Amino acid sequence: MNLNNIRQIGKIFNSHGVQGELKVASYTSYPEIYATLDQVILIGKSTKKVYKVINTRPVKDHWLFRLEGVENMDQAKNLKDFDIYVSEDELIPLAEDEFLISDLINAEVYSTENKYLGKIDNYFDNGEHGICEVKMPDGKIFLFPTTKEVLIDIEANSKVVINVLPELLELND
């Protein structure tokens, strides 16, 4: 599946109501982009499909999407866990110190001394900053914050360089 020139901006985590609305977790610092979308690309395990966006609206800590062709709860439930992508043309340009969450997922993590630490499996937001979950070669997991002191460099979807602060790895044992 070719993912060139598209970026992930969210993930469907459930259905909402009986009319086919979708609950979406936002993967962007600019969720207002959702209000401007004409279409989205939904990607599942082996499925990629373009949908026209009928309506979006914010609700608490997530968004609700109405998509053309998704008209009932069963259709919406079938889209649970699908990732939401848009064309890069539709993205808001990033500032110099900003990044896309999708650039982090599956990236290999290295220390500033070029020591391989593992691969980023997950990202979540704790309110103050993002947190990356890294699976180490030995199977252990460690977390690091996406602060300027720790996150040094990002090469989209391939490599992330972090400053391993004293006791960062030990805190995760």
Protein backbone atom coordinates (compact mmCIF):
# COMPACT_ATOMS: atom_id res chain seq x y z
CA MET A 1 0.00 0.00 0.00
CA ASN A 2 1.58 3.27 -1.12
CA LEU A 3 1.50 5.91 1.61
CA ASN A 4 3.50 8.58 -0.23
CA ASN A 5 2.22 12.15 0.04
CA ILE A 6 -0.39 11.36 2.69
CA ARG A 7 -0.18 11.84 6.45
CA GLN A 8 -2.04 10.29 9.32
CA ILE A 9 -4.13 12.79 11.29
CA GLY A 10 -6.23 10.49 13.44
CA LYS A 11 -7.60 7.07 14.26
CA ILE A 12 -11.16 5.80 14.51
CA PHE A 13 -11.60 4.29 17.95
CA ASN A 14 -15.35 3.62 18.01
CA SER A 15 -18.75 4.34 16.53
CA HIS A 16 -21.19 6.91 17.94
CA GLY A 17 -24.97 6.58 17.81
CA VAL A 18 -27.05 4.75 15.23
CA GLN A 19 -26.47 7.03 12.23
CA GLY A 20 -22.90 6.00 11.45
CA GLU A 21 -20.88 8.68 13.19
CA LEU A 22 -17.28 7.80 13.98
CA LYS A 23 -15.31 8.66 17.12
CA VAL A 24 -11.87 9.89 16.11
CA ALA A 25 -8.76 10.34 18.22
CA SER A 26 -6.82 13.32 16.92
CA TYR A 27 -3.16 12.86 15.96
CA THR A 28 -2.60 16.52 15.22
CA SER A 29 -1.92 19.65 17.23
CA TYR A 30 -4.25 21.45 14.83
CA PRO A 31 -7.54 19.55 15.04
CA GLU A 32 -9.26 22.53 13.44
CA ILE A 33 -8.08 20.99 10.16
CA TYR A 34 -10.95 18.50 10.57
CA ALA A 35 -13.50 21.24 9.97
CA THR A 36 -11.94 22.01 6.55
CA LEU A 37 -11.68 18.49 5.14
CA ASP A 38 -13.49 17.50 1.96
CA GLN A 39 -12.23 13.92 1.94
CA VAL A 40 -10.18 11.50 4.00
CA ILE A 41 -8.37 8.27 3.29
CA LEU A 42 -9.14 5.42 5.69
CA ILE A 43 -6.55 2.69 5.94
CA GLY A 44 -7.12 -0.60 7.72
CA LYS A 45 -5.09 -3.80 7.78
CA SER A 46 -5.51 -4.51 4.06
CA THR A 47 -7.99 -1.85 2.99
CA LYS A 48 -7.52 1.69 1.72
CA LYS A 49 -10.55 3.74 0.74
CA VAL A 50 -11.33 7.42 0.12
CA TYR A 51 -14.44 8.87 1.78
CA LYS A 52 -16.15 12.22 1.31
CA VAL A 53 -16.49 14.09 4.62
CA ILE A 54 -20.06 15.18 5.35
CA ASN A 55 -19.52 16.71 8.78
CA THR A 56 -17.05 16.87 11.67
CA ARG A 57 -17.48 18.24 15.17
CA PRO A 58 -15.46 18.31 18.38
CA VAL A 59 -16.77 16.43 21.42
CA LYS A 60 -14.84 16.48 24.72
CA ASP A 61 -11.42 14.98 23.98
CA HIS A 62 -12.16 13.61 20.48
CA TRP A 63 -13.96 14.37 17.22
CA LEU A 64 -17.04 12.94 15.54
CA PHE A 65 -16.95 12.35 11.78
CA ARG A 66 -19.82 11.70 9.36
CA LEU A 67 -18.63 10.16 6.11
CA GLU A 68 -20.56 9.59 2.90
CA GLY A 69 -21.58 5.94 2.65
CA VAL A 70 -21.33 5.29 6.38
CA GLU A 71 -24.97 5.49 7.38
CA ASN A 72 -25.49 3.16 10.32
CA MET A 73 -23.86 1.78 13.44
CA ASP A 74 -22.77 -1.49 11.81
CA GLN A 75 -20.97 0.30 8.96
CA ALA A 76 -19.30 2.59 11.49
CA LYS A 77 -18.23 -0.32 13.72
CA ASN A 78 -16.56 -1.96 10.71
CA LEU A 79 -14.24 1.08 10.51
CA LYS A 80 -13.03 0.84 14.12
CA ASP A 81 -9.21 0.98 14.36
CA PHE A 82 -8.86 2.43 10.85
CA ASP A 83 -6.26 5.17 10.52
CA ILE A 84 -7.31 8.50 8.99
CA TYR A 85 -5.03 10.10 6.44
CA VAL A 86 -5.16 13.23 4.32
CA SER A 87 -3.12 14.52 1.44
CA GLU A 88 -0.07 16.51 2.53
CA ASP A 89 -1.53 19.45 0.54
CA GLU A 90 -4.31 19.76 3.12
CA LEU A 91 -1.99 20.01 6.11
CA ILE A 92 -1.26 23.25 7.90
CA PRO A 93 2.45 24.08 7.44
CA LEU A 94 4.51 23.22 10.49
CA ALA A 95 6.68 25.63 12.44
CA GLU A 96 10.38 24.83 12.72
CA ASP A 97 10.06 23.14 16.12
CA GLU A 98 6.91 21.15 15.26
CA PHE A 99 6.53 17.61 13.95
CA LEU A 100 3.85 15.20 12.83
CA ILE A 101 3.08 12.35 15.20
CA SER A 102 3.02 10.04 12.19
CA ASP A 103 6.71 10.89 11.66
CA LEU A 104 7.48 9.25 15.00
CA ILE A 105 5.57 5.98 14.80
CA ASN A 106 7.85 3.08 13.75
CA ALA A 107 10.92 5.30 13.72
CA GLU A 108 14.15 3.84 15.12
CA VAL A 109 15.40 5.65 18.22
CA TYR A 110 19.07 6.49 18.71
CA SER A 111 20.91 8.33 21.45
CA THR A 112 23.00 11.40 20.63
CA GLU A 113 25.96 8.98 20.88
CA ASN A 114 24.38 6.96 18.01
CA LYS A 115 23.42 4.00 20.24
CA TYR A 116 20.34 2.13 18.97
CA LEU A 117 17.64 2.16 21.67
CA GLY A 118 14.62 0.62 19.94
CA LYS A 119 11.59 1.49 17.83
CA ILE A 120 8.70 3.84 18.63
CA ASP A 121 5.53 1.77 19.04
CA ASN A 122 3.11 4.36 20.33
CA TYR A 123 2.56 8.03 21.07
CA PHE A 124 0.23 9.68 23.54
CA ASP A 125 -0.25 13.12 25.00
CA ASN A 126 -0.09 13.73 28.75
CA GLY A 127 -1.41 17.30 28.55
CA GLU A 128 1.94 19.10 28.84
CA HIS A 129 3.79 17.30 26.03
CA GLY A 130 3.84 14.12 24.01
CA ILE A 131 5.19 10.81 25.24
CA CYS A 132 6.77 8.21 22.97
CA GLU A 133 6.70 4.54 23.87
CA VAL A 134 9.79 2.69 22.65
CA LYS A 135 10.16 -1.06 22.38
CA MET A 136 13.80 -1.93 23.05
CA PRO A 137 15.65 -4.83 21.36
CA ASP A 138 15.35 -6.90 24.58
CA GLY A 139 11.55 -6.48 24.52
CA LYS A 140 11.44 -3.96 27.36
CA ILE A 141 9.51 -0.72 26.97
CA PHE A 142 10.68 2.75 27.87
CA LEU A 143 9.01 6.14 27.56
CA PHE A 144 10.46 9.51 26.69
CA PRO A 145 8.90 12.97 26.54
CA THR A 146 8.89 14.91 23.28
CA THR A 147 10.40 17.96 24.94
CA LYS A 148 13.15 20.11 23.41
CA GLU A 149 15.60 18.79 26.02
CA VAL A 150 15.05 15.17 24.97
CA LEU A 151 13.87 15.04 21.34
CA ILE A 152 16.81 16.29 19.29
CA ASP A 153 16.11 15.30 15.67
CA ILE A 154 13.43 13.56 13.58
CA GLU A 155 13.90 11.97 10.18
CA ALA A 156 10.32 11.15 9.22
CA ASN A 157 9.36 7.51 9.80
CA SER A 158 12.95 6.35 9.96
CA LYS A 159 15.10 7.80 12.72
CA VAL A 160 14.69 9.80 15.91
CA VAL A 161 17.62 11.07 17.95
CA ILE A 162 17.11 11.68 21.65
CA ASN A 163 19.20 13.09 24.43
CA VAL A 164 19.23 10.34 27.05
CA LEU A 165 19.03 12.40 30.21
CA PRO A 166 20.51 10.88 33.37
CA GLU A 167 18.29 8.05 34.62
CA LEU A 168 15.80 8.30 31.71
CA LEU A 169 16.11 4.61 30.89
CA GLU A 170 16.24 3.59 34.55
CA LEU A 171 13.00 5.44 35.32
CA ASN A 172 11.21 3.02 33.03
CA ASP A 173 12.41 -0.19 34.74
